[in-house]
Amino acid sequence: MPTAKTTPSVTEDESISYEAALKELEVLVQQMESGQLPLADLLSGYQRGAELLSLCRAQLVALEQQIKVLDNGALNTWTPS
């Protein structure tokens, strides 16, 4: 029976990249959706997923703020060429 792997919390590892957090979140979702995890692992997986989601959102907001600075405070709509 698969078990959730123990990983450091987001508060312990603030240096995790957006891509790594997103990949870990995808793996967690797949494990949880499989229906194979014990209840205790589901709870810890959900908590870790919430931490990862929060980290991803925070990184996206920070990036958006940097873009606003680069665009003199205006967030312009991006249209592909």
Protein backbone atom coordinates (compact mmCIF):
# COMPACT_ATOMS: atom_id res chain seq x y z
CA MET A 1 0.00 0.00 0.00
CA PRO A 2 1.52 3.40 -0.97
CA THR A 3 2.18 5.93 1.73
CA ALA A 4 2.68 9.65 1.57
CA LYS A 5 6.33 10.55 1.73
CA THR A 6 7.45 12.82 4.51
CA THR A 7 8.55 16.17 3.18
CA PRO A 8 9.58 19.36 4.93
CA SER A 9 6.83 21.86 5.50
CA VAL A 10 6.78 25.01 3.41
CA THR A 11 7.73 27.00 6.49
CA GLU A 12 10.85 24.83 6.85
CA ASP A 13 11.75 25.09 3.14
CA GLU A 14 10.90 28.54 1.77
CA SER A 15 13.44 28.07 -1.03
CA ILE A 16 11.34 25.50 -2.90
CA SER A 17 10.74 26.66 -6.45
CA TYR A 18 7.29 27.19 -7.94
CA GLU A 19 7.90 24.33 -10.35
CA ALA A 20 9.01 21.93 -7.60
CA ALA A 21 6.04 22.89 -5.42
CA LEU A 22 3.63 22.42 -8.32
CA LYS A 23 5.13 19.03 -9.20
CA GLU A 24 4.88 17.85 -5.59
CA LEU A 25 1.29 19.10 -5.45
CA GLU A 26 0.43 17.15 -8.61
CA VAL A 27 1.91 13.97 -7.13
CA LEU A 28 -0.04 14.49 -3.90
CA VAL A 29 -3.29 14.96 -5.80
CA GLN A 30 -2.68 11.78 -7.81
CA GLN A 31 -1.97 9.81 -4.64
CA MET A 32 -5.06 11.17 -2.91
CA GLU A 33 -7.31 10.55 -5.89
CA SER A 34 -6.08 6.97 -6.22
CA GLY A 35 -8.03 5.99 -3.12
CA GLN A 36 -5.11 3.89 -1.92
CA LEU A 37 -3.85 6.10 0.94
CA PRO A 38 -4.77 5.46 4.58
CA LEU A 39 -6.85 8.15 6.28
CA ALA A 40 -3.89 9.52 8.28
CA ASP A 41 -1.87 9.93 5.09
CA LEU A 42 -4.79 11.66 3.40
CA LEU A 43 -4.92 14.24 6.16
CA SER A 44 -1.18 14.92 6.11
CA GLY A 45 -1.26 15.00 2.30
CA TYR A 46 -4.09 17.51 2.36
CA GLN A 47 -2.18 19.71 4.82
CA ARG A 48 0.99 19.56 2.71
CA GLY A 49 -1.05 20.29 -0.41
CA ALA A 50 -2.56 23.37 1.24
CA GLU A 51 0.94 24.57 2.18
CA LEU A 52 2.20 24.02 -1.36
CA LEU A 53 -0.80 25.79 -2.87
CA SER A 54 -0.24 28.74 -0.56
CA LEU A 55 3.43 28.87 -1.56
CA CYS A 56 2.57 28.77 -5.28
CA ARG A 57 0.01 31.54 -4.89
CA ALA A 58 2.45 33.70 -2.92
CA GLN A 59 5.11 33.27 -5.60
CA LEU A 60 2.63 34.19 -8.34
CA VAL A 61 1.52 37.30 -6.43
CA ALA A 62 5.15 38.31 -5.91
CA LEU A 63 5.84 37.87 -9.60
CA GLU A 64 2.76 39.91 -10.48
CA GLN A 65 4.01 42.71 -8.21
CA GLN A 66 7.39 42.66 -9.94
CA ILE A 67 5.66 42.91 -13.33
CA LYS A 68 3.65 45.89 -12.08
CA VAL A 69 6.87 47.60 -11.05
CA LEU A 70 8.37 46.92 -14.46
CA ASP A 71 5.24 48.34 -16.12
CA ASN A 72 5.20 51.47 -13.92
CA GLY A 73 2.41 50.24 -11.66
CA ALA A 74 0.00 49.12 -14.38
CA LEU A 75 -0.68 45.48 -14.95
CA ASN A 76 -1.22 45.28 -18.69
CA THR A 77 -3.06 42.50 -20.43
CA TRP A 78 -0.64 40.19 -22.20
CA THR A 79 -1.53 39.22 -25.73
CA PRO A 80 0.66 36.74 -27.60
CA SER A 81 2.13 37.97 -30.86
